[in-house]
Amino acid sequence: MYTHGHHEVVVRSHSQRTVANSAAYLRPHLNSSQSLLDVGCGPGTITADLADLVAHVTAIEPVPTALDIARESTSGLANVTLEIADVHKLPYANDSFDVVHAHQVLQHVHSPVDALREMRRVSRDLVAARDSDYAAFAWYPSSPDLDAWLALYRQIARRNGGEPDAGRRLKSWAREAGFTEVTASASVWCWTTPEERESWGGMWADRIVRTAIADQAVEYGYATREDLARISRAWREWVTAEDGWFSILHGEILCRG
């Protein structure tokens, strides 16, 4: 189950992702002769960037609703194919792609090791994955309500079968999936300017009361609508803090063998 859902607030946030800010660790390993499978392509903004760097991109999502969102970003790109597929059971032959890429996917799937095994099976050369690590998020000023937000999100994500602290586990998962060569790294997003704070904090102020996360929090009995409204106000307060700072750690892996 995709914890975030596909509300406009979520899609708008994810549409800011590019190769430059979300797949820089992979960029040096790409060339114009390669075929690439983009697993969990989301709104397709990274997909469109990848299409400028390789010969062909096949982008997949597990449900039609999610894939429809990617059509706008990839419209007119002759070297992009959009398909419905489940990463746990990819409908492709062994060694079908030179590169298999997944951004912010493994934290949401019920079996990341099995997903990586499938990604390994269909890759001729390289598997790349990047996931955030919620337990490593850090911010200032401190706020009990933002502490509650983080605890709530991690609780919901795990109830849905995911692992919100995926970033630190990627290397371990890849080794368990059978890769013999795993290069692990990390990178950070940091939001501190007024525009960055509004983009990130304003987005979460809306997301925590308007999206699937809000509905799940109430349905699971983890929070009330009043609790969520209080968290939303805390995000708004953080946005207006002149010394506001937020960092997001991402784990990254490049896998062969």
Protein backbone atom coordinates (compact mmCIF):
# COMPACT_ATOMS: atom_id res chain seq x y z
CA MET A 1 0.00 0.00 0.00
CA TYR A 2 1.34 3.42 -0.97
CA THR A 3 1.14 5.40 2.26
CA HIS A 4 1.22 8.87 0.71
CA GLY A 5 -1.53 8.34 -1.86
CA HIS A 6 -1.84 10.44 -5.02
CA HIS A 7 -3.44 13.64 -3.77
CA GLU A 8 -2.49 16.79 -5.71
CA VAL A 9 -0.37 17.97 -2.75
CA VAL A 10 1.72 14.80 -2.93
CA VAL A 11 2.07 14.89 -6.71
CA ARG A 12 3.13 18.55 -6.63
CA SER A 13 5.88 17.78 -4.15
CA HIS A 14 7.14 14.73 -6.03
CA SER A 15 7.13 16.63 -9.31
CA GLN A 16 10.07 18.70 -8.05
CA ARG A 17 12.32 15.65 -8.31
CA THR A 18 14.92 15.55 -11.07
CA VAL A 19 18.03 13.54 -11.90
CA ALA A 20 20.11 16.42 -10.52
CA ASN A 21 18.46 16.45 -7.08
CA SER A 22 17.41 12.81 -6.80
CA ALA A 23 19.70 10.59 -8.89
CA ALA A 24 23.06 12.37 -9.04
CA TYR A 25 24.76 9.24 -7.70
CA LEU A 26 23.54 7.31 -10.77
CA ARG A 27 24.22 9.97 -13.41
CA PRO A 28 27.93 9.12 -14.06
CA HIS A 29 26.97 5.51 -14.90
CA LEU A 30 24.50 6.36 -17.67
CA ASN A 31 25.11 6.66 -21.40
CA SER A 32 23.14 7.06 -24.59
CA SER A 33 23.27 3.38 -25.57
CA GLN A 34 21.51 2.00 -22.48
CA SER A 35 17.99 0.77 -21.83
CA LEU A 36 16.65 1.60 -18.36
CA LEU A 37 13.74 0.39 -16.24
CA ASP A 38 12.39 3.11 -13.93
CA VAL A 39 10.55 1.34 -11.10
CA GLY A 40 7.85 3.35 -9.37
CA CYS A 41 8.25 6.33 -11.66
CA GLY A 42 5.76 8.54 -9.80
CA PRO A 43 4.93 11.76 -11.66
CA GLY A 44 7.61 11.00 -14.24
CA THR A 45 9.87 14.01 -13.80
CA ILE A 46 12.94 11.86 -13.08
CA THR A 47 11.85 9.55 -15.90
CA ALA A 48 11.84 12.45 -18.37
CA ASP A 49 15.33 13.49 -17.28
CA LEU A 50 16.59 9.91 -17.61
CA ALA A 51 15.20 9.78 -21.14
CA ASP A 52 17.64 12.54 -22.09
CA LEU A 53 20.54 10.41 -20.90
CA VAL A 54 19.83 6.88 -22.16
CA ALA A 55 18.46 5.24 -25.32
CA HIS A 56 15.13 4.10 -23.88
CA VAL A 57 13.27 4.20 -20.57
CA THR A 58 10.50 1.83 -19.54
CA ALA A 59 8.69 3.40 -16.59
CA ILE A 60 6.38 1.36 -14.38
CA GLU A 61 3.80 1.82 -11.65
CA PRO A 62 1.59 -0.89 -10.11
CA VAL A 63 -1.77 0.81 -10.71
CA PRO A 64 -3.18 2.80 -13.66
CA THR A 65 -4.01 5.86 -11.55
CA ALA A 66 -0.37 6.33 -10.61
CA LEU A 67 0.86 5.80 -14.15
CA ASP A 68 -1.61 8.30 -15.59
CA ILE A 69 0.14 11.05 -13.61
CA ALA A 70 3.43 10.29 -15.37
CA ARG A 71 1.93 10.73 -18.81
CA GLU A 72 2.00 14.51 -18.60
CA SER A 73 5.72 14.68 -17.75
CA THR A 74 6.69 12.19 -20.45
CA SER A 75 4.26 13.24 -23.18
CA GLY A 76 6.02 13.58 -26.51
CA LEU A 77 9.09 11.57 -25.49
CA ALA A 78 9.44 8.87 -28.12
CA ASN A 79 11.95 6.87 -26.08
CA VAL A 80 9.72 6.44 -23.00
CA THR A 81 7.28 3.54 -22.53
CA LEU A 82 4.83 3.52 -19.62
CA GLU A 83 3.60 0.17 -18.32
CA ILE A 84 1.70 -1.34 -15.38
CA ALA A 85 3.93 -3.74 -13.44
CA ASP A 86 4.59 -4.97 -9.91
CA VAL A 87 8.23 -4.84 -8.82
CA HIS A 88 7.77 -8.09 -6.89
CA LYS A 89 6.91 -9.90 -10.14
CA LEU A 90 8.29 -8.00 -13.11
CA PRO A 91 6.85 -9.11 -16.49
CA TYR A 92 10.23 -9.00 -18.22
CA ALA A 93 12.75 -11.63 -19.22
CA ASN A 94 16.09 -12.01 -17.49
CA ASP A 95 18.65 -9.37 -18.47
CA SER A 96 16.07 -7.17 -20.23
CA PHE A 97 17.58 -3.80 -19.23
CA ASP A 98 21.06 -2.38 -18.83
CA VAL A 99 20.03 -0.37 -15.77
CA VAL A 100 17.19 -0.70 -13.28
CA HIS A 101 16.43 2.36 -11.14
CA ALA A 102 14.10 2.89 -8.18
CA HIS A 103 13.70 6.19 -6.34
CA GLN A 104 11.84 6.22 -3.00
CA VAL A 105 10.26 2.85 -3.77
CA LEU A 106 11.77 0.21 -1.51
CA GLN A 107 10.58 1.98 1.64
CA HIS A 108 6.98 1.34 0.55
CA VAL A 109 7.00 -2.27 -0.69
CA HIS A 110 6.14 -5.24 1.51
CA SER A 111 9.29 -7.18 0.58
CA PRO A 112 12.21 -4.95 -0.48
CA VAL A 113 14.60 -7.91 -0.71
CA ASP A 114 12.30 -9.74 -3.14
CA ALA A 115 11.90 -6.50 -5.09
CA LEU A 116 15.67 -6.17 -5.37
CA ARG A 117 15.94 -9.80 -6.47
CA GLU A 118 13.53 -9.06 -9.31
CA MET A 119 15.39 -5.89 -10.21
CA ARG A 120 18.61 -7.90 -10.27
CA ARG A 121 17.04 -10.58 -12.47
CA VAL A 122 15.98 -8.18 -15.21
CA SER A 123 19.19 -6.12 -15.15
CA ARG A 124 22.18 -6.87 -17.38
CA ASP A 125 24.52 -4.56 -15.54
CA LEU A 126 23.41 -2.13 -12.82
CA VAL A 127 20.68 -1.71 -10.21
CA ALA A 128 20.36 1.65 -8.47
CA ALA A 129 18.10 2.58 -5.57
CA ARG A 130 17.70 5.62 -3.34
CA ASP A 131 15.46 5.92 -0.27
CA SER A 132 15.06 8.41 2.51
CA ASP A 133 15.54 7.48 6.16
CA TYR A 134 12.89 9.06 8.34
CA ALA A 135 14.59 8.29 11.66
CA ALA A 136 17.56 10.36 10.46
CA PHE A 137 15.48 13.46 9.68
CA ALA A 138 16.66 16.48 11.68
CA TRP A 139 15.21 19.95 12.10
CA TYR A 140 15.33 23.18 14.04
CA PRO A 141 13.65 24.73 15.98
CA SER A 142 12.56 21.74 18.00
CA SER A 143 8.84 21.06 18.25
CA PRO A 144 6.96 18.38 20.20
CA ASP A 145 4.27 18.42 17.51
CA LEU A 146 6.81 17.76 14.74
CA ASP A 147 8.21 14.96 16.90
CA ALA A 148 4.64 13.60 16.99
CA TRP A 149 4.40 13.98 13.19
CA LEU A 150 7.50 11.87 12.64
CA ALA A 151 6.43 9.17 15.09
CA LEU A 152 2.97 9.09 13.51
CA TYR A 153 4.26 8.78 9.96
CA ARG A 154 6.64 5.93 10.88
CA GLN A 155 3.80 4.14 12.67
CA ILE A 156 1.47 4.44 9.68
CA ALA A 157 4.14 3.41 7.17
CA ARG A 158 4.93 0.24 9.10
CA ARG A 159 1.23 -0.56 9.53
CA ASN A 160 1.03 -0.40 5.72
CA GLY A 161 3.87 -2.90 5.35
CA GLY A 162 6.67 -0.47 4.56
CA GLU A 163 9.93 0.51 6.23
CA PRO A 164 10.28 4.30 6.64
CA ASP A 165 13.90 4.01 7.75
CA ALA A 166 14.86 2.30 4.51
CA GLY A 167 17.90 4.41 3.67
CA ARG A 168 20.18 2.78 6.22
CA ARG A 169 19.00 -0.70 5.22
CA LEU A 170 19.60 -0.56 1.46
CA LYS A 171 23.08 -2.10 1.52
CA SER A 172 21.89 -4.92 3.78
CA TRP A 173 18.84 -5.60 1.60
CA ALA A 174 20.98 -5.65 -1.55
CA ARG A 175 23.42 -8.15 -0.07
CA GLU A 176 20.52 -10.35 1.03
CA ALA A 177 19.10 -10.14 -2.49
CA GLY A 178 22.30 -11.73 -3.80
CA PHE A 179 24.31 -8.83 -5.20
CA THR A 180 28.04 -9.45 -5.00
CA GLU A 181 29.12 -5.84 -5.54
CA VAL A 182 27.29 -3.10 -3.63
CA THR A 183 28.49 0.50 -3.48
CA ALA A 184 26.62 2.41 -0.79
CA SER A 185 26.49 6.16 -0.35
CA ALA A 186 24.30 8.89 1.10
CA SER A 187 23.13 12.36 0.17
CA VAL A 188 21.10 15.05 1.88
CA TRP A 189 18.33 17.46 1.02
CA CYS A 190 18.42 20.55 3.24
CA TRP A 191 15.62 23.11 3.38
CA THR A 192 16.39 26.46 5.00
CA THR A 193 15.49 29.43 2.78
CA PRO A 194 12.00 30.93 3.05
CA GLU A 195 11.08 29.42 -0.32
CA GLU A 196 12.39 25.98 0.67
CA ARG A 197 10.62 26.10 4.02
CA GLU A 198 7.34 27.00 2.35
CA SER A 199 7.75 24.25 -0.23
CA TRP A 200 8.51 21.52 2.32
CA GLY A 201 6.73 22.67 5.47
CA GLY A 202 3.74 24.10 3.64
CA MET A 203 3.38 20.86 1.74
CA TRP A 204 3.38 18.81 4.96
CA ALA A 205 1.00 21.24 6.65
CA ASP A 206 -1.47 20.33 3.91
CA ARG A 207 -0.52 16.67 3.54
CA ILE A 208 -1.08 15.81 7.19
CA VAL A 209 -4.71 16.97 7.07
CA ARG A 210 -5.78 16.49 3.44
CA THR A 211 -4.24 13.31 2.04
CA ALA A 212 -4.37 9.54 2.47
CA ILE A 213 -2.00 9.81 5.43
CA ALA A 214 -4.59 11.81 7.36
CA ASP A 215 -7.32 9.30 6.60
CA GLN A 216 -5.10 6.38 7.59
CA ALA A 217 -4.06 8.04 10.86
CA VAL A 218 -7.70 8.38 11.87
CA GLU A 219 -8.81 5.00 10.52
CA TYR A 220 -6.02 3.17 12.38
CA GLY A 221 -6.80 5.02 15.60
CA TYR A 222 -3.37 6.62 15.77
CA ALA A 223 -4.58 10.24 15.79
CA THR A 224 -7.69 12.39 15.79
CA ARG A 225 -8.48 15.15 13.32
CA GLU A 226 -7.65 17.59 16.13
CA ASP A 227 -4.22 15.97 16.54
CA LEU A 228 -3.59 16.34 12.82
CA ALA A 229 -4.69 19.97 12.84
CA ARG A 230 -2.24 20.68 15.65
CA ILE A 231 0.59 19.06 13.67
CA SER A 232 -0.40 21.11 10.63
CA ARG A 233 -0.17 24.32 12.67
CA ALA A 234 3.27 23.26 13.90
CA TRP A 235 4.42 22.93 10.29
CA ARG A 236 3.09 26.42 9.54
CA GLU A 237 5.00 27.76 12.53
CA TRP A 238 8.19 26.09 11.32
CA VAL A 239 7.74 27.66 7.87
CA THR A 240 7.72 31.14 9.43
CA ALA A 241 10.78 30.52 11.67
CA GLU A 242 13.63 32.62 10.25
CA ASP A 243 16.15 30.12 11.60
CA GLY A 244 14.13 27.13 10.38
CA TRP A 245 16.25 24.24 9.05
CA PHE A 246 15.32 20.72 7.92
CA SER A 247 17.56 17.95 6.59
CA ILE A 248 16.58 14.67 4.92
CA LEU A 249 19.11 11.86 4.69
CA HIS A 250 18.94 9.45 1.74
CA GLY A 251 20.68 6.11 1.42
CA GLU A 252 21.85 5.10 -2.06
CA ILE A 253 23.10 1.89 -3.60
CA LEU A 254 24.68 0.87 -6.90
CA CYS A 255 24.58 -2.90 -7.29
CA ARG A 256 26.15 -5.40 -9.69
CA GLY A 257 26.72 -9.12 -9.76
